[in-house]
Amino acid sequence: MATEDQISLFNLPTSSSAPPPPDFDPEQIPTAARVPIPAGTYETMEQMQAHCNRCFRCALGQSRTNAVVSRGSMQAPIMIVGEGPGQNEDEQGKPFVGKSGQLLDKILASVNLSAEQDVFICNVVKCRPPENRTPTTDEAEACKGYLMEQIRLVNPKIILLTGATALKGLLGIKQGITKVRGQWIEQDDRLYMPIFHPAYLLRNQSRERGQPKWLMWQDIQAVKTRLDEIRGA
């Protein structure tokens, strides 16, 4: 699947967490301590949601209304990973339901992808950072076990990383999103693509060639083309 514009992955981190024993109970994991969340901890997203609503692994849990875990299909071939919940998401308990989410749904619909059937949407952190600021590295690390479990449970073929926080949090790549967006990155038998965050597109409305909205249109078409190839369409 490699292409000439791919990023070298030789130095990217890999997961080495051992699976829990067969009789493991996720309730044994303290929600107020940085105890690792091993692969295989959760059987359902509802189970994770309940755990996240009691989580205080970082300070974000002290100010949340709801933990924001996911929306979309558990059988989705595409996962979209954002940064963190905003106010609307915190109130409703679902990711990407504000203006950014509405734009994301339109972008998906433009290539005949359903936000409820073809994609699974989540964030790097499950609780809203104050004033919608960027999650810190420490906060992202505290929440990473949940994200890795979501990837395991959904097992998507394609993961879209919306913004630099998702890119750094999952692949360890610290380059700015403008330098790497639209490039296919292959790791662990999955394809990753960094794309602009919808909030960035809302701040840059121009549709002219070379502008963020135009670039996003190129990227989402490439995603749909690759998905069709995977599906054998």
C-alpha atoms as a PDB file:
ATOM      1  CA  MET A   1       0.000   0.000   0.000  1.00  0.00           C
ATOM      2  CA  ALA A   2       3.026   2.264   0.219  1.00  0.00           C
ATOM      3  CA  THR A   3       3.154   5.333  -1.991  1.00  0.00           C
ATOM      4  CA  GLU A   4       6.061   7.618  -2.808  1.00  0.00           C
ATOM      5  CA  ASP A   5       4.626  10.422  -0.686  1.00  0.00           C
ATOM      6  CA  GLN A   6       4.280   8.321   2.449  1.00  0.00           C
ATOM      7  CA  ILE A   7       6.049   9.248   5.656  1.00  0.00           C
ATOM      8  CA  SER A   8       8.744   6.875   6.870  1.00  0.00           C
ATOM      9  CA  LEU A   9       7.368   4.810   9.713  1.00  0.00           C
ATOM     10  CA  PHE A  10      10.562   3.115  10.865  1.00  0.00           C
ATOM     11  CA  ASN A  11      10.684   5.154  14.078  1.00  0.00           C
ATOM     12  CA  LEU A  12       6.991   5.124  14.932  1.00  0.00           C
ATOM     13  CA  PRO A  13       5.971   3.617  18.302  1.00  0.00           C
ATOM     14  CA  THR A  14       4.222   0.260  18.393  1.00  0.00           C
ATOM     15  CA  SER A  15       1.879  -1.160  20.999  1.00  0.00           C
ATOM     16  CA  SER A  16       3.270  -3.834  23.282  1.00  0.00           C
ATOM     17  CA  SER A  17       0.570  -4.147  25.926  1.00  0.00           C
ATOM     18  CA  ALA A  18      -0.190  -7.727  26.927  1.00  0.00           C
ATOM     19  CA  PRO A  19      -3.811  -8.921  26.966  1.00  0.00           C
ATOM     20  CA  PRO A  20      -5.524  -9.219  30.354  1.00  0.00           C
ATOM     21  CA  PRO A  21      -6.285 -12.638  31.868  1.00  0.00           C
ATOM     22  CA  PRO A  22      -9.603 -14.297  30.864  1.00  0.00           C
ATOM     23  CA  ASP A  23     -11.269 -13.464  34.186  1.00  0.00           C
ATOM     24  CA  PHE A  24     -10.164  -9.815  34.086  1.00  0.00           C
ATOM     25  CA  ASP A  25     -12.768  -7.286  35.253  1.00  0.00           C
ATOM     26  CA  PRO A  26     -12.262  -3.727  33.884  1.00  0.00           C
ATOM     27  CA  GLU A  27     -13.814  -2.420  37.082  1.00  0.00           C
ATOM     28  CA  GLN A  28     -10.542  -3.409  38.713  1.00  0.00           C
ATOM     29  CA  ILE A  29      -8.815  -0.536  36.888  1.00  0.00           C
ATOM     30  CA  PRO A  30      -8.785   2.526  39.153  1.00  0.00           C
ATOM     31  CA  THR A  31     -10.318   5.556  37.446  1.00  0.00           C
ATOM     32  CA  ALA A  32      -8.229   7.992  39.473  1.00  0.00           C
ATOM     33  CA  ALA A  33      -4.779   6.539  38.766  1.00  0.00           C
ATOM     34  CA  ARG A  34      -2.564   6.020  35.722  1.00  0.00           C
ATOM     35  CA  VAL A  35      -2.906   2.262  35.731  1.00  0.00           C
ATOM     36  CA  PRO A  36      -2.408   0.942  32.161  1.00  0.00           C
ATOM     37  CA  ILE A  37      -5.499  -0.153  30.227  1.00  0.00           C
ATOM     38  CA  PRO A  38      -4.440  -3.420  28.539  1.00  0.00           C
ATOM     39  CA  ALA A  39      -5.701  -4.546  25.147  1.00  0.00           C
ATOM     40  CA  GLY A  40      -8.898  -6.552  25.565  1.00  0.00           C
ATOM     41  CA  THR A  41     -10.120  -4.624  28.616  1.00  0.00           C
ATOM     42  CA  TYR A  42     -13.519  -3.715  27.158  1.00  0.00           C
ATOM     43  CA  GLU A  43     -16.040  -5.880  25.347  1.00  0.00           C
ATOM     44  CA  THR A  44     -18.402  -3.053  24.339  1.00  0.00           C
ATOM     45  CA  MET A  45     -18.283   0.697  23.835  1.00  0.00           C
ATOM     46  CA  GLU A  46     -21.077   1.053  26.396  1.00  0.00           C
ATOM     47  CA  GLN A  47     -18.809  -0.544  28.973  1.00  0.00           C
ATOM     48  CA  MET A  48     -16.097   1.963  28.134  1.00  0.00           C
ATOM     49  CA  GLN A  49     -18.577   4.846  28.250  1.00  0.00           C
ATOM     50  CA  ALA A  50     -19.591   3.939  31.799  1.00  0.00           C
ATOM     51  CA  HIS A  51     -15.958   3.732  32.858  1.00  0.00           C
ATOM     52  CA  CYS A  52     -15.060   7.045  31.189  1.00  0.00           C
ATOM     53  CA  ASN A  53     -17.911   8.809  32.991  1.00  0.00           C
ATOM     54  CA  ARG A  54     -16.188   7.914  36.263  1.00  0.00           C
ATOM     55  CA  CYS A  55     -12.660   8.576  35.046  1.00  0.00           C
ATOM     56  CA  PHE A  56     -10.297  11.005  36.779  1.00  0.00           C
ATOM     57  CA  ARG A  57      -7.024   9.854  35.239  1.00  0.00           C
ATOM     58  CA  CYS A  58      -6.345  13.539  34.508  1.00  0.00           C
ATOM     59  CA  ALA A  59      -7.789  16.853  35.685  1.00  0.00           C
ATOM     60  CA  LEU A  60     -10.233  17.130  32.748  1.00  0.00           C
ATOM     61  CA  GLY A  61     -12.651  14.810  34.533  1.00  0.00           C
ATOM     62  CA  GLN A  62     -13.210  17.400  37.246  1.00  0.00           C
ATOM     63  CA  SER A  63     -14.952  19.852  34.914  1.00  0.00           C
ATOM     64  CA  ARG A  64     -16.797  17.627  32.435  1.00  0.00           C
ATOM     65  CA  THR A  65     -20.566  17.307  32.088  1.00  0.00           C
ATOM     66  CA  ASN A  66     -20.322  14.055  30.134  1.00  0.00           C
ATOM     67  CA  ALA A  67     -17.481  11.916  28.915  1.00  0.00           C
ATOM     68  CA  VAL A  68     -17.578  12.005  25.110  1.00  0.00           C
ATOM     69  CA  VAL A  69     -16.683   8.559  23.832  1.00  0.00           C
ATOM     70  CA  SER A  70     -18.012   7.977  20.315  1.00  0.00           C
ATOM     71  CA  ARG A  71     -20.697   8.045  17.659  1.00  0.00           C
ATOM     72  CA  GLY A  72     -21.086   6.072  14.469  1.00  0.00           C
ATOM     73  CA  SER A  73     -20.914   2.420  13.513  1.00  0.00           C
ATOM     74  CA  MET A  74     -18.932  -0.237  15.350  1.00  0.00           C
ATOM     75  CA  GLN A  75     -18.541  -1.972  11.969  1.00  0.00           C
ATOM     76  CA  ALA A  76     -17.248   1.151  10.226  1.00  0.00           C
ATOM     77  CA  PRO A  77     -14.295   0.775   7.845  1.00  0.00           C
ATOM     78  CA  ILE A  78     -13.244   4.365   8.611  1.00  0.00           C
ATOM     79  CA  MET A  79     -12.401   5.849  12.006  1.00  0.00           C
ATOM     80  CA  ILE A  80     -12.115   9.608  12.468  1.00  0.00           C
ATOM     81  CA  VAL A  81     -10.064  10.802  15.437  1.00  0.00           C
ATOM     82  CA  GLY A  82     -10.399  14.395  16.613  1.00  0.00           C
ATOM     83  CA  GLU A  83      -8.687  16.320  19.405  1.00  0.00           C
ATOM     84  CA  GLY A  84     -11.198  16.768  22.217  1.00  0.00           C
ATOM     85  CA  PRO A  85     -14.852  17.606  22.885  1.00  0.00           C
ATOM     86  CA  GLY A  86     -16.216  21.135  22.745  1.00  0.00           C
ATOM     87  CA  GLN A  87     -19.142  22.608  24.650  1.00  0.00           C
ATOM     88  CA  ASN A  88     -21.865  21.011  22.522  1.00  0.00           C
ATOM     89  CA  GLU A  89     -20.151  17.651  22.723  1.00  0.00           C
ATOM     90  CA  ASP A  90     -19.695  17.938  26.486  1.00  0.00           C
ATOM     91  CA  GLU A  91     -23.403  18.682  26.898  1.00  0.00           C
ATOM     92  CA  GLN A  92     -24.648  15.924  24.576  1.00  0.00           C
ATOM     93  CA  GLY A  93     -22.004  13.292  25.310  1.00  0.00           C
ATOM     94  CA  LYS A  94     -21.235  12.692  21.607  1.00  0.00           C
ATOM     95  CA  PRO A  95     -18.271  13.841  19.487  1.00  0.00           C
ATOM     96  CA  PHE A  96     -18.490  16.274  16.579  1.00  0.00           C
ATOM     97  CA  VAL A  97     -22.081  17.442  17.058  1.00  0.00           C
ATOM     98  CA  GLY A  98     -21.442  21.217  16.964  1.00  0.00           C
ATOM     99  CA  LYS A  99     -20.629  23.333  13.912  1.00  0.00           C
ATOM    100  CA  SER A 100     -17.451  21.361  13.227  1.00  0.00           C
ATOM    101  CA  GLY A 101     -19.393  18.121  13.357  1.00  0.00           C
ATOM    102  CA  GLN A 102     -22.075  19.423  11.032  1.00  0.00           C
ATOM    103  CA  LEU A 103     -19.390  20.389   8.529  1.00  0.00           C
ATOM    104  CA  LEU A 104     -17.740  16.984   8.925  1.00  0.00           C
ATOM    105  CA  ASP A 105     -21.027  15.239   8.156  1.00  0.00           C
ATOM    106  CA  LYS A 106     -21.400  17.365   4.996  1.00  0.00           C
ATOM    107  CA  ILE A 107     -17.866  16.529   3.911  1.00  0.00           C
ATOM    108  CA  LEU A 108     -18.569  12.821   4.321  1.00  0.00           C
ATOM    109  CA  ALA A 109     -21.906  13.098   2.519  1.00  0.00           C
ATOM    110  CA  SER A 110     -20.181  14.813  -0.419  1.00  0.00           C
ATOM    111  CA  VAL A 111     -18.570  11.466  -1.287  1.00  0.00           C
ATOM    112  CA  ASN A 112     -21.561   9.354  -0.259  1.00  0.00           C
ATOM    113  CA  LEU A 113     -20.215   8.326   3.134  1.00  0.00           C
ATOM    114  CA  SER A 114     -22.664   8.102   6.022  1.00  0.00           C
ATOM    115  CA  ALA A 115     -21.646   9.517   9.389  1.00  0.00           C
ATOM    116  CA  GLU A 116     -23.672   6.778  11.079  1.00  0.00           C
ATOM    117  CA  GLN A 117     -22.851   3.760   8.891  1.00  0.00           C
ATOM    118  CA  ASP A 118     -19.460   4.206   7.254  1.00  0.00           C
ATOM    119  CA  VAL A 119     -17.495   5.930   9.993  1.00  0.00           C
ATOM    120  CA  PHE A 120     -16.775   5.719  13.708  1.00  0.00           C
ATOM    121  CA  ILE A 121     -15.968   9.070  15.302  1.00  0.00           C
ATOM    122  CA  CYS A 122     -14.012   9.668  18.507  1.00  0.00           C
ATOM    123  CA  ASN A 123     -11.412  11.971  20.078  1.00  0.00           C
ATOM    124  CA  VAL A 124      -7.943  11.751  21.560  1.00  0.00           C
ATOM    125  CA  VAL A 125      -9.333  12.858  24.939  1.00  0.00           C
ATOM    126  CA  LYS A 126     -12.830  12.027  26.144  1.00  0.00           C
ATOM    127  CA  CYS A 127     -13.429  15.108  28.324  1.00  0.00           C
ATOM    128  CA  ARG A 128     -13.641  18.751  27.266  1.00  0.00           C
ATOM    129  CA  PRO A 129     -10.503  20.830  27.868  1.00  0.00           C
ATOM    130  CA  PRO A 130     -11.343  24.212  29.483  1.00  0.00           C
ATOM    131  CA  GLU A 131     -12.172  26.920  26.938  1.00  0.00           C
ATOM    132  CA  ASN A 132     -11.786  24.301  24.194  1.00  0.00           C
ATOM    133  CA  ARG A 133      -8.003  24.576  24.392  1.00  0.00           C
ATOM    134  CA  THR A 134      -5.739  21.969  22.800  1.00  0.00           C
ATOM    135  CA  PRO A 135      -5.307  18.872  24.999  1.00  0.00           C
ATOM    136  CA  THR A 136      -1.933  18.655  26.687  1.00  0.00           C
ATOM    137  CA  THR A 137       0.453  15.778  26.059  1.00  0.00           C
ATOM    138  CA  ASP A 138      -0.184  14.569  29.601  1.00  0.00           C
ATOM    139  CA  GLU A 139      -3.963  14.566  29.074  1.00  0.00           C
ATOM    140  CA  ALA A 140      -3.625  12.718  25.768  1.00  0.00           C
ATOM    141  CA  GLU A 141      -1.416  10.087  27.394  1.00  0.00           C
ATOM    142  CA  ALA A 142      -3.890   9.637  30.264  1.00  0.00           C
ATOM    143  CA  CYS A 143      -6.646   8.875  27.750  1.00  0.00           C
ATOM    144  CA  LYS A 144      -4.651   6.897  25.180  1.00  0.00           C
ATOM    145  CA  GLY A 145      -5.627   3.502  26.569  1.00  0.00           C
ATOM    146  CA  TYR A 146      -9.276   4.240  25.807  1.00  0.00           C
ATOM    147  CA  LEU A 147      -8.439   5.293  22.254  1.00  0.00           C
ATOM    148  CA  MET A 148      -6.379   2.180  21.618  1.00  0.00           C
ATOM    149  CA  GLU A 149      -9.251   0.037  22.853  1.00  0.00           C
ATOM    150  CA  GLN A 150     -11.598   1.822  20.464  1.00  0.00           C
ATOM    151  CA  ILE A 151      -9.291   1.045  17.565  1.00  0.00           C
ATOM    152  CA  ARG A 152      -9.158  -2.601  18.638  1.00  0.00           C
ATOM    153  CA  LEU A 153     -12.930  -2.916  19.020  1.00  0.00           C
ATOM    154  CA  VAL A 154     -13.836  -1.205  15.730  1.00  0.00           C
ATOM    155  CA  ASN A 155     -10.822  -2.509  13.775  1.00  0.00           C
ATOM    156  CA  PRO A 156     -11.094   0.087  10.977  1.00  0.00           C
ATOM    157  CA  LYS A 157      -9.217  -0.178   7.690  1.00  0.00           C
ATOM    158  CA  ILE A 158      -8.658   3.593   7.488  1.00  0.00           C
ATOM    159  CA  ILE A 159      -8.055   6.091  10.296  1.00  0.00           C
ATOM    160  CA  LEU A 160      -8.360   9.817   9.576  1.00  0.00           C
ATOM    161  CA  LEU A 161      -6.440  12.030  11.985  1.00  0.00           C
ATOM    162  CA  THR A 162      -8.032  15.460  12.224  1.00  0.00           C
ATOM    163  CA  GLY A 163      -5.376  17.856  13.384  1.00  0.00           C
ATOM    164  CA  ALA A 164      -1.902  17.764  14.895  1.00  0.00           C
ATOM    165  CA  THR A 165      -2.994  16.452  18.319  1.00  0.00           C
ATOM    166  CA  ALA A 166      -4.396  13.243  16.813  1.00  0.00           C
ATOM    167  CA  LEU A 167      -1.378  12.892  14.524  1.00  0.00           C
ATOM    168  CA  LYS A 168       1.089  13.198  17.401  1.00  0.00           C
ATOM    169  CA  GLY A 169      -1.007  11.187  19.854  1.00  0.00           C
ATOM    170  CA  LEU A 170      -1.416   8.125  17.636  1.00  0.00           C
ATOM    171  CA  LEU A 171       1.634   8.104  15.387  1.00  0.00           C
ATOM    172  CA  GLY A 172       4.116  10.251  17.290  1.00  0.00           C
ATOM    173  CA  ILE A 173       4.540  12.561  14.292  1.00  0.00           C
ATOM    174  CA  LYS A 174       5.205  16.130  15.405  1.00  0.00           C
ATOM    175  CA  GLN A 175       5.105  17.821  11.994  1.00  0.00           C
ATOM    176  CA  GLY A 176       2.417  20.406  11.384  1.00  0.00           C
ATOM    177  CA  ILE A 177      -0.752  19.136   9.756  1.00  0.00           C
ATOM    178  CA  THR A 178      -0.279  21.373   6.716  1.00  0.00           C
ATOM    179  CA  LYS A 179       2.952  19.535   5.859  1.00  0.00           C
ATOM    180  CA  VAL A 180       1.565  15.993   6.020  1.00  0.00           C
ATOM    181  CA  ARG A 181      -2.157  16.239   5.293  1.00  0.00           C
ATOM    182  CA  GLY A 182      -3.388  14.066   2.478  1.00  0.00           C
ATOM    183  CA  GLN A 183      -0.517  11.552   2.771  1.00  0.00           C
ATOM    184  CA  TRP A 184      -1.165   7.877   3.312  1.00  0.00           C
ATOM    185  CA  ILE A 185       0.697   6.366   6.261  1.00  0.00           C
ATOM    186  CA  GLU A 186       0.692   2.593   6.731  1.00  0.00           C
ATOM    187  CA  GLN A 187       1.095   0.985  10.150  1.00  0.00           C
ATOM    188  CA  ASP A 188      -0.215  -2.200  11.803  1.00  0.00           C
ATOM    189  CA  ASP A 189      -2.113  -3.218   8.649  1.00  0.00           C
ATOM    190  CA  ARG A 190      -4.071   0.050   8.664  1.00  0.00           C
ATOM    191  CA  LEU A 191      -3.982   3.159   6.550  1.00  0.00           C
ATOM    192  CA  TYR A 192      -3.791   6.534   8.271  1.00  0.00           C
ATOM    193  CA  MET A 193      -4.314   9.921   6.679  1.00  0.00           C
ATOM    194  CA  PRO A 194      -3.844  13.282   8.433  1.00  0.00           C
ATOM    195  CA  ILE A 195      -6.530  15.780   7.405  1.00  0.00           C
ATOM    196  CA  PHE A 196      -7.500  19.297   8.425  1.00  0.00           C
ATOM    197  CA  HIS A 197      -9.754  19.595  11.453  1.00  0.00           C
ATOM    198  CA  PRO A 198     -13.237  20.851  10.428  1.00  0.00           C
ATOM    199  CA  ALA A 199     -12.850  23.755  12.878  1.00  0.00           C
ATOM    200  CA  TYR A 200      -9.859  24.931  10.836  1.00  0.00           C
ATOM    201  CA  LEU A 201     -11.987  24.856   7.696  1.00  0.00           C
ATOM    202  CA  LEU A 202     -14.630  26.997   9.402  1.00  0.00           C
ATOM    203  CA  ARG A 203     -11.967  29.641   9.958  1.00  0.00           C
ATOM    204  CA  ASN A 204     -10.779  29.397   6.350  1.00  0.00           C
ATOM    205  CA  GLN A 205     -13.820  29.647   4.121  1.00  0.00           C
ATOM    206  CA  SER A 206     -12.134  30.147   0.739  1.00  0.00           C
ATOM    207  CA  ARG A 207     -12.772  27.394  -1.794  1.00  0.00           C
ATOM    208  CA  GLU A 208     -10.007  28.546  -4.143  1.00  0.00           C
ATOM    209  CA  ARG A 209      -7.470  26.050  -5.432  1.00  0.00           C
ATOM    210  CA  GLY A 210      -4.779  25.355  -2.848  1.00  0.00           C
ATOM    211  CA  GLN A 211      -6.823  26.641   0.083  1.00  0.00           C
ATOM    212  CA  PRO A 212      -7.775  24.349   3.028  1.00  0.00           C
ATOM    213  CA  LYS A 213     -11.329  23.627   1.837  1.00  0.00           C
ATOM    214  CA  TRP A 214     -10.086  22.760  -1.653  1.00  0.00           C
ATOM    215  CA  LEU A 215      -7.388  20.534  -0.172  1.00  0.00           C
ATOM    216  CA  MET A 216      -9.928  18.783   2.055  1.00  0.00           C
ATOM    217  CA  TRP A 217     -12.032  18.029  -1.022  1.00  0.00           C
ATOM    218  CA  GLN A 218      -9.015  16.357  -2.629  1.00  0.00           C
ATOM    219  CA  ASP A 219      -8.305  14.376   0.535  1.00  0.00           C
ATOM    220  CA  ILE A 220     -11.835  13.090   1.112  1.00  0.00           C
ATOM    221  CA  GLN A 221     -12.067  11.983  -2.526  1.00  0.00           C
ATOM    222  CA  ALA A 222      -8.800  10.071  -2.095  1.00  0.00           C
ATOM    223  CA  VAL A 223     -10.208   8.424   1.037  1.00  0.00           C
ATOM    224  CA  LYS A 224     -13.367   7.342  -0.778  1.00  0.00           C
ATOM    225  CA  THR A 225     -11.346   6.001  -3.701  1.00  0.00           C
ATOM    226  CA  ARG A 226      -9.133   3.951  -1.404  1.00  0.00           C
ATOM    227  CA  LEU A 227     -12.133   2.637   0.529  1.00  0.00           C
ATOM    228  CA  ASP A 228     -13.782   1.531  -2.714  1.00  0.00           C
ATOM    229  CA  GLU A 229     -10.547  -0.283  -3.645  1.00  0.00           C
ATOM    230  CA  ILE A 230     -10.506  -2.050  -0.264  1.00  0.00           C
ATOM    231  CA  ARG A 231     -14.147  -3.038  -0.666  1.00  0.00           C
ATOM    232  CA  GLY A 232     -13.510  -4.201  -4.208  1.00  0.00           C
ATOM    233  CA  ALA A 233     -16.097  -1.810  -5.607  1.00  0.00           C
END
